[in-house]
Protein backbone atom coordinates (compact mmCIF):
# COMPACT_ATOMS: atom_id res chain seq x y z
CA UNK A 1 6.35 -51.47 42.25
CA UNK A 2 9.23 -54.27 41.70
CA UNK A 3 7.75 -57.67 42.40
CA UNK A 4 11.36 -59.24 43.16
CA UNK A 5 12.69 -60.04 46.83
CA UNK A 6 15.09 -57.09 46.50
CA UNK A 7 12.45 -54.49 45.49
CA UNK A 8 9.81 -55.58 48.03
CA UNK A 9 12.71 -55.06 50.81
CA UNK A 10 13.53 -51.72 49.34
CA UNK A 11 9.83 -50.71 49.49
CA UNK A 12 9.29 -51.78 53.08
CA UNK A 13 12.45 -50.33 54.16
CA UNK A 14 11.36 -46.99 52.90
CA UNK A 15 8.27 -47.02 54.55
CA UNK A 16 9.16 -48.17 57.70
CA UNK A 17 12.24 -45.22 57.67
CA UNK A 18 9.20 -43.04 56.94
CA UNK A 19 7.01 -44.12 59.94
CA UNK A 20 10.07 -44.02 62.10
CA UNK A 21 10.63 -39.92 61.64
CA UNK A 22 7.01 -39.03 61.50
CA UNK A 23 5.79 -38.72 65.12
CA UNK A 24 2.30 -39.42 65.79
CA UNK A 25 0.44 -37.73 68.57
CA UNK A 26 0.96 -40.55 70.80
CA UNK A 27 4.49 -39.29 70.45
CA UNK A 28 3.92 -36.22 71.36
CA UNK A 29 1.79 -36.56 74.02
CA UNK A 30 4.76 -38.92 75.79
CA UNK A 31 7.59 -35.82 74.81
CA UNK A 32 4.93 -33.54 76.32
CA UNK A 33 5.02 -35.50 79.43
CA UNK A 34 8.16 -36.08 79.66
CA UNK A 35 9.50 -32.55 78.98
CA UNK A 36 9.10 -31.24 82.95
CA UNK A 37 10.98 -34.22 83.57
CA UNK A 38 13.95 -33.53 81.00
CA UNK A 39 13.78 -29.71 81.54
CA UNK A 40 14.35 -30.19 85.28
CA UNK A 41 17.49 -32.60 84.56
CA UNK A 42 19.15 -30.72 82.45
CA UNK A 43 18.40 -27.11 84.29
CA UNK A 44 19.03 -28.72 88.03
CA UNK A 45 21.52 -31.31 87.28
CA UNK A 46 23.18 -31.38 83.94
CA UNK A 47 24.07 -27.37 83.41
CA UNK A 48 25.12 -26.88 87.02
CA UNK A 49 27.97 -30.24 87.02
CA UNK A 50 29.58 -28.09 83.34
CA UNK A 51 29.18 -25.15 85.23
CA UNK A 52 30.96 -26.31 88.34
CA UNK A 53 33.62 -27.82 85.50
CA UNK A 54 33.69 -24.62 84.16
CA UNK A 55 34.20 -22.38 87.39
CA UNK A 56 36.79 -24.98 88.35
CA UNK A 57 39.42 -23.67 85.78
CA UNK A 58 38.59 -20.17 86.65
CA UNK A 59 39.45 -17.79 89.66
CA UNK A 60 35.78 -16.49 90.58
CA UNK A 61 34.27 -15.49 93.82
CA UNK A 62 30.52 -15.46 92.75
CA UNK A 63 28.17 -18.12 91.21
CA UNK A 64 28.87 -16.59 87.98
CA UNK A 65 30.77 -18.05 85.06
CA UNK A 66 33.27 -14.69 84.40
CA UNK A 67 36.81 -14.97 86.17
CA UNK A 68 40.17 -15.20 85.04
CA UNK A 69 41.35 -18.47 83.35
CA UNK A 70 43.69 -20.44 86.00
CA UNK A 71 43.78 -23.81 84.42
CA UNK A 72 44.44 -26.52 86.83
CA UNK A 73 45.89 -24.07 90.03
CA UNK A 74 42.03 -24.41 91.86
CA UNK A 75 42.98 -28.52 91.95
CA UNK A 76 47.04 -28.07 92.29
CA UNK A 77 46.27 -25.46 95.18
CA UNK A 78 43.74 -28.06 96.91
CA UNK A 79 46.02 -31.35 96.39
CA UNK A 80 48.38 -29.32 98.46
CA UNK A 81 46.57 -27.86 101.11
CA UNK A 82 47.27 -29.87 104.19
CA UNK A 83 43.67 -28.95 105.34
CA UNK A 84 42.32 -30.99 102.54
CA UNK A 85 44.10 -33.94 103.03
CA UNK A 86 43.61 -33.37 106.93
CA UNK A 87 39.53 -33.43 106.07
CA UNK A 88 39.85 -36.05 103.43
CA UNK A 89 41.62 -38.51 106.20
CA UNK A 90 38.63 -37.61 108.79
CA UNK A 91 36.08 -38.09 106.32
CA UNK A 92 37.89 -40.81 105.75
CA UNK A 93 37.95 -42.15 109.03
CA UNK A 94 34.26 -41.49 110.07
CA UNK A 95 33.05 -42.90 106.68
CA UNK A 96 34.78 -46.46 107.30
CA UNK A 97 33.61 -46.50 111.02
CA UNK A 98 30.19 -45.50 110.14
CA UNK A 99 30.03 -48.28 107.15
CA UNK A 100 31.01 -50.94 109.04
CA UNK A 101 29.72 -50.57 112.31
CA UNK A 102 26.48 -49.34 110.49
CA UNK A 103 26.23 -52.52 108.63
CA UNK A 104 26.89 -54.92 111.46
CA UNK A 105 24.79 -54.00 113.86
CA UNK A 106 21.97 -53.34 111.41
CA UNK A 107 22.02 -57.07 110.24
CA UNK A 108 22.73 -58.44 113.87
CA UNK A 109 19.55 -56.15 114.94
CA UNK A 110 17.39 -57.04 112.19
CA UNK A 111 18.72 -60.99 112.68
CA UNK A 112 17.17 -61.09 116.10
CA UNK A 113 14.02 -59.10 115.39
CA UNK A 114 13.39 -61.26 112.25
CA UNK A 115 13.76 -64.44 114.54
CA UNK A 116 11.27 -63.01 117.22
CA UNK A 117 8.18 -65.26 117.52
CA UNK A 118 5.92 -62.46 118.51
CA UNK A 119 4.41 -60.90 115.65
CA UNK A 120 3.49 -57.90 118.09
CA UNK A 121 7.34 -57.56 119.31
CA UNK A 122 8.63 -57.95 116.12
CA UNK A 123 6.26 -54.46 115.03
CA UNK A 124 7.28 -53.12 118.24
CA UNK A 125 10.96 -53.03 117.67
CA UNK A 126 10.81 -52.11 114.07
CA UNK A 127 9.00 -48.96 115.30
CA UNK A 128 11.44 -48.54 118.20
CA UNK A 129 14.54 -48.57 115.88
CA UNK A 130 13.17 -46.70 112.81
CA UNK A 131 12.45 -43.99 115.06
CA UNK A 132 15.29 -41.82 115.22
CA UNK A 133 15.27 -41.80 111.54
CA UNK A 134 12.19 -39.92 111.67
CA UNK A 135 13.85 -36.96 114.09
CA UNK A 136 15.98 -34.29 112.26
CA UNK A 137 19.41 -33.81 112.12
CA UNK A 138 19.48 -30.81 114.11
CA UNK A 139 17.68 -32.40 116.91
CA UNK A 140 20.03 -35.45 116.96
CA UNK A 141 22.92 -32.72 117.20
CA UNK A 142 21.12 -31.11 119.99
CA UNK A 143 20.29 -34.52 121.86
CA UNK A 144 23.80 -35.76 121.79
CA UNK A 145 25.28 -32.41 122.94
CA UNK A 146 23.36 -32.90 126.04
CA UNK A 147 24.42 -36.80 126.40
CA UNK A 148 28.06 -35.78 125.48
CA UNK A 149 28.45 -32.91 127.75
CA UNK A 150 31.73 -33.07 128.52
CA UNK A 151 31.49 -32.46 132.25
CA UNK A 152 30.03 -34.74 134.60
CA UNK A 153 26.53 -33.22 134.61
CA UNK A 154 26.54 -34.98 130.83
CA UNK A 155 24.01 -37.79 131.04
CA UNK A 156 26.72 -40.38 129.47
CA UNK A 157 29.24 -38.98 131.76
CA UNK A 158 27.42 -39.15 134.75
CA UNK A 159 26.74 -43.03 133.88
CA UNK A 160 30.51 -43.79 133.52
CA UNK A 161 31.64 -41.79 136.53
CA UNK A 162 29.47 -44.09 138.34
CA UNK A 163 32.47 -46.67 137.73
CA UNK A 164 35.20 -44.42 138.37
CA UNK A 165 35.58 -43.24 134.95
CA UNK A 166 37.07 -39.83 134.65
CA UNK A 167 34.75 -37.43 132.20
CA UNK A 168 35.20 -37.90 128.72
CA UNK A 169 35.34 -34.74 126.09
CA UNK A 170 33.14 -36.66 123.45
CA UNK A 171 32.73 -33.05 121.25
CA UNK A 172 35.96 -31.29 122.67
CA UNK A 173 38.94 -34.13 122.62
CA UNK A 174 39.92 -34.34 118.88
CA UNK A 175 41.01 -38.02 119.60
CA UNK A 176 37.72 -38.90 120.51
CA UNK A 177 35.53 -36.19 118.58
CA UNK A 178 35.13 -38.33 115.12
CA UNK A 179 33.94 -41.22 116.58
CA UNK A 180 31.70 -39.73 118.80
CA UNK A 181 30.24 -38.00 115.58
CA UNK A 182 30.35 -42.15 114.39
CA UNK A 183 28.01 -43.05 117.29
CA UNK A 184 25.64 -40.28 116.41
CA UNK A 185 25.42 -40.83 112.91
CA UNK A 186 25.01 -44.69 114.11
CA UNK A 187 21.91 -43.61 116.28
CA UNK A 188 20.09 -42.15 113.21
CA UNK A 189 20.88 -44.63 110.53
CA UNK A 190 20.63 -47.76 112.13
CA UNK A 191 16.84 -48.37 112.26
CA UNK A 192 16.55 -47.30 108.59
CA UNK A 193 19.34 -50.05 107.53
CA UNK A 194 17.92 -52.38 109.56
CA UNK A 195 14.89 -52.35 108.11
CA UNK A 196 16.31 -53.18 104.44
CA UNK A 197 18.24 -56.30 106.11
CA UNK A 198 14.90 -57.37 107.95
CA UNK A 199 12.83 -57.16 104.43
CA UNK A 200 16.12 -59.50 102.99
CA UNK A 201 15.88 -61.71 105.56
CA UNK A 202 12.04 -62.54 104.95
CA UNK A 203 12.70 -62.95 101.87
CA UNK A 204 15.20 -66.06 101.79
CA UNK A 205 13.50 -69.05 101.18
CA UNK A 206 12.15 -71.51 104.03
CA UNK A 207 13.14 -74.54 102.40
CA UNK A 208 17.14 -73.60 102.23
CA UNK A 209 16.53 -73.58 106.19
CA UNK A 210 14.70 -76.88 106.22
CA UNK A 211 17.18 -78.79 103.99
CA UNK A 212 20.05 -77.74 106.34
CA UNK A 213 18.57 -78.67 109.43
CA UNK A 214 17.78 -82.00 107.72
CA UNK A 215 22.16 -82.09 107.03
CA UNK A 216 22.61 -81.32 110.63
CA UNK A 217 23.38 -77.41 110.74
CA UNK A 218 22.76 -75.68 113.34
CA UNK A 219 22.26 -71.97 113.78
CA UNK A 220 25.38 -70.14 113.66
CA UNK A 221 25.69 -72.72 110.44
CA UNK A 222 22.44 -71.39 108.59
CA UNK A 223 22.97 -67.77 109.45
CA UNK A 224 26.61 -68.47 108.08
CA UNK A 225 26.47 -70.26 105.22
CA UNK A 226 23.02 -69.19 103.88
CA UNK A 227 21.55 -65.75 104.78
CA UNK A 228 24.66 -64.15 104.88
CA UNK A 229 25.18 -65.01 100.94
CA UNK A 230 21.64 -65.06 100.34
CA UNK A 231 21.80 -61.59 101.35
CA UNK A 232 25.25 -60.32 99.51
CA UNK A 233 23.61 -58.00 97.27
CA UNK A 234 21.86 -55.94 100.54
CA UNK A 235 25.30 -55.86 102.14
CA UNK A 236 26.83 -54.27 98.93
CA UNK A 237 23.99 -52.00 98.21
CA UNK A 238 24.39 -50.79 102.09
CA UNK A 239 28.31 -50.73 101.63
CA UNK A 240 27.99 -48.57 98.59
CA UNK A 241 25.13 -46.15 99.90
CA UNK A 242 27.07 -46.06 102.80
CA UNK A 243 30.47 -44.96 101.16
CA UNK A 244 28.55 -42.47 99.26
CA UNK A 245 26.78 -41.19 102.24
CA UNK A 246 29.96 -40.97 104.18
CA UNK A 247 31.94 -39.28 102.21
CA UNK A 248 29.65 -36.53 101.59
CA UNK A 249 29.00 -35.98 105.34
CA UNK A 250 28.25 -32.17 106.45
CA UNK A 251 25.70 -31.50 108.42
CA UNK A 252 26.51 -33.32 111.80
CA UNK A 253 29.92 -32.15 112.08
CA UNK A 254 28.73 -28.59 110.93
CA UNK A 255 26.19 -28.67 113.77
CA UNK A 256 28.86 -29.98 116.39
CA UNK A 257 32.09 -28.43 115.18
CA UNK A 258 31.07 -25.44 112.91
CA UNK A 259 32.68 -24.38 109.79
CA UNK A 260 36.11 -24.59 111.93
CA UNK A 261 35.14 -28.11 111.85
CA UNK A 262 36.49 -28.14 115.56
CA UNK A 263 37.72 -29.38 117.87
CA UNK A 264 41.17 -28.70 116.76
CA UNK A 265 39.71 -29.17 113.18
CA UNK A 266 39.14 -33.19 114.02
CA UNK A 267 35.70 -32.99 112.54
CA UNK A 268 36.50 -31.19 108.98
CA UNK A 269 35.46 -32.85 106.38
CA UNK A 270 35.83 -32.29 102.50
CA UNK A 271 32.35 -31.24 102.11
CA UNK A 272 33.00 -29.02 104.95
CA UNK A 273 36.25 -27.58 103.10
CA UNK A 274 33.81 -27.07 100.21
CA UNK A 275 31.60 -24.92 101.77
CA UNK A 276 34.27 -22.55 103.90
CA UNK A 277 35.91 -22.12 100.93
CA UNK A 278 32.56 -21.55 98.76
CA UNK A 279 30.39 -19.47 101.23
CA UNK A 280 32.91 -17.75 103.48
CA UNK A 281 36.30 -17.34 102.07
CA UNK A 282 34.72 -16.87 98.14
CA UNK A 283 36.76 -18.85 96.38
CA UNK A 284 34.22 -20.17 94.47
CA UNK A 285 36.68 -21.74 91.93
CA UNK A 286 38.18 -23.38 94.18
CA UNK A 287 34.96 -25.56 96.00
CA UNK A 288 34.15 -26.09 92.89
CA UNK A 289 37.41 -27.93 92.09
CA UNK A 290 37.27 -29.88 95.40
CA UNK A 291 33.58 -30.59 94.71
CA UNK A 292 35.05 -32.67 91.26
CA UNK A 293 37.84 -34.15 93.17
CA UNK A 294 35.17 -35.53 95.63
CA UNK A 295 33.07 -36.48 92.71
CA UNK A 296 36.14 -38.60 91.53
CA UNK A 297 37.03 -40.31 94.50
CA UNK A 298 33.44 -40.97 95.48
CA UNK A 299 33.30 -42.77 91.45
CA UNK A 300 36.44 -45.00 92.18
CA UNK A 301 35.28 -46.20 95.27
CA UNK A 302 31.85 -47.35 94.04
CA UNK A 303 33.69 -48.69 90.89
CA UNK A 304 35.68 -50.54 92.93
CA UNK A 305 33.31 -51.85 95.15
CA UNK A 306 30.92 -53.13 92.12
CA UNK A 307 34.03 -54.47 90.14
CA UNK A 308 34.72 -56.52 93.91
CA UNK A 309 31.22 -57.89 93.88
CA UNK A 310 31.57 -58.73 90.45
CA UNK A 311 34.81 -60.49 90.88
CA UNK A 312 32.95 -62.59 93.62
CA UNK A 313 30.42 -63.65 91.21
CA UNK A 314 32.48 -65.03 88.78
CA UNK A 315 34.27 -66.60 91.48
CA UNK A 316 30.82 -68.35 92.62
């Protein structure tokens, strides 16, 4: 063995390289325990993604990778299809209203519950608002079908009829149906968002409020200048998750409007458009192409929101 510093470094580096590529028993055990998850991700996530991308360039009617190569024809067909743009518009409209109203209402509710002095009352309201979250989408759709029944027999129409207002076609009028879906989704998701905001509110340091009170700040100014800025990461999280969920809307519009997105296609969303083409029209290539278009749209929106938040951080 060489006694020079260069010789020692070479010998140590060689031993380190040998150890690096030698699997110990612990290494094998680690790989063994990780194998089910890695195999599951490859089989159920990575492979379907690449298979769907491959199918989007083919004209195929089934879940097989055979078919005629058509290049970008499926993407071109979708982008020239007026029904796709109608579905995208409906998705955006319902998604924007659901996200904005959902965040605003759940934050106000969480603030009200957090200010309750009565501990049991706080737990009671948390349970009440979270209860719709454990109700299935099918049960929620049935419930609102009765509530929003288009004649005077419907509960909501009966109540507004007491004030002399004519019955509203909540799920039968194309101008109203999208907003009825928004109200239905708010009822189901409000409790979950409220619980998240409530956890964030309870993490705001009390000394910030005490310092603000010393400076003479009132309730509104503390809420505006301390609470909201402190909860900004939660707002961003809710915004991103709400946007992703809104762009993937399917179950409620399918249960209410069927595969045609009735009334008048006002409940046709992008995912429902994908479902129709994949399983009713047997155009799997077109369906996978639209799936990738939706993926790109969601990716752009998510990156935009994250960049917007990062720019706000740099300005602060």
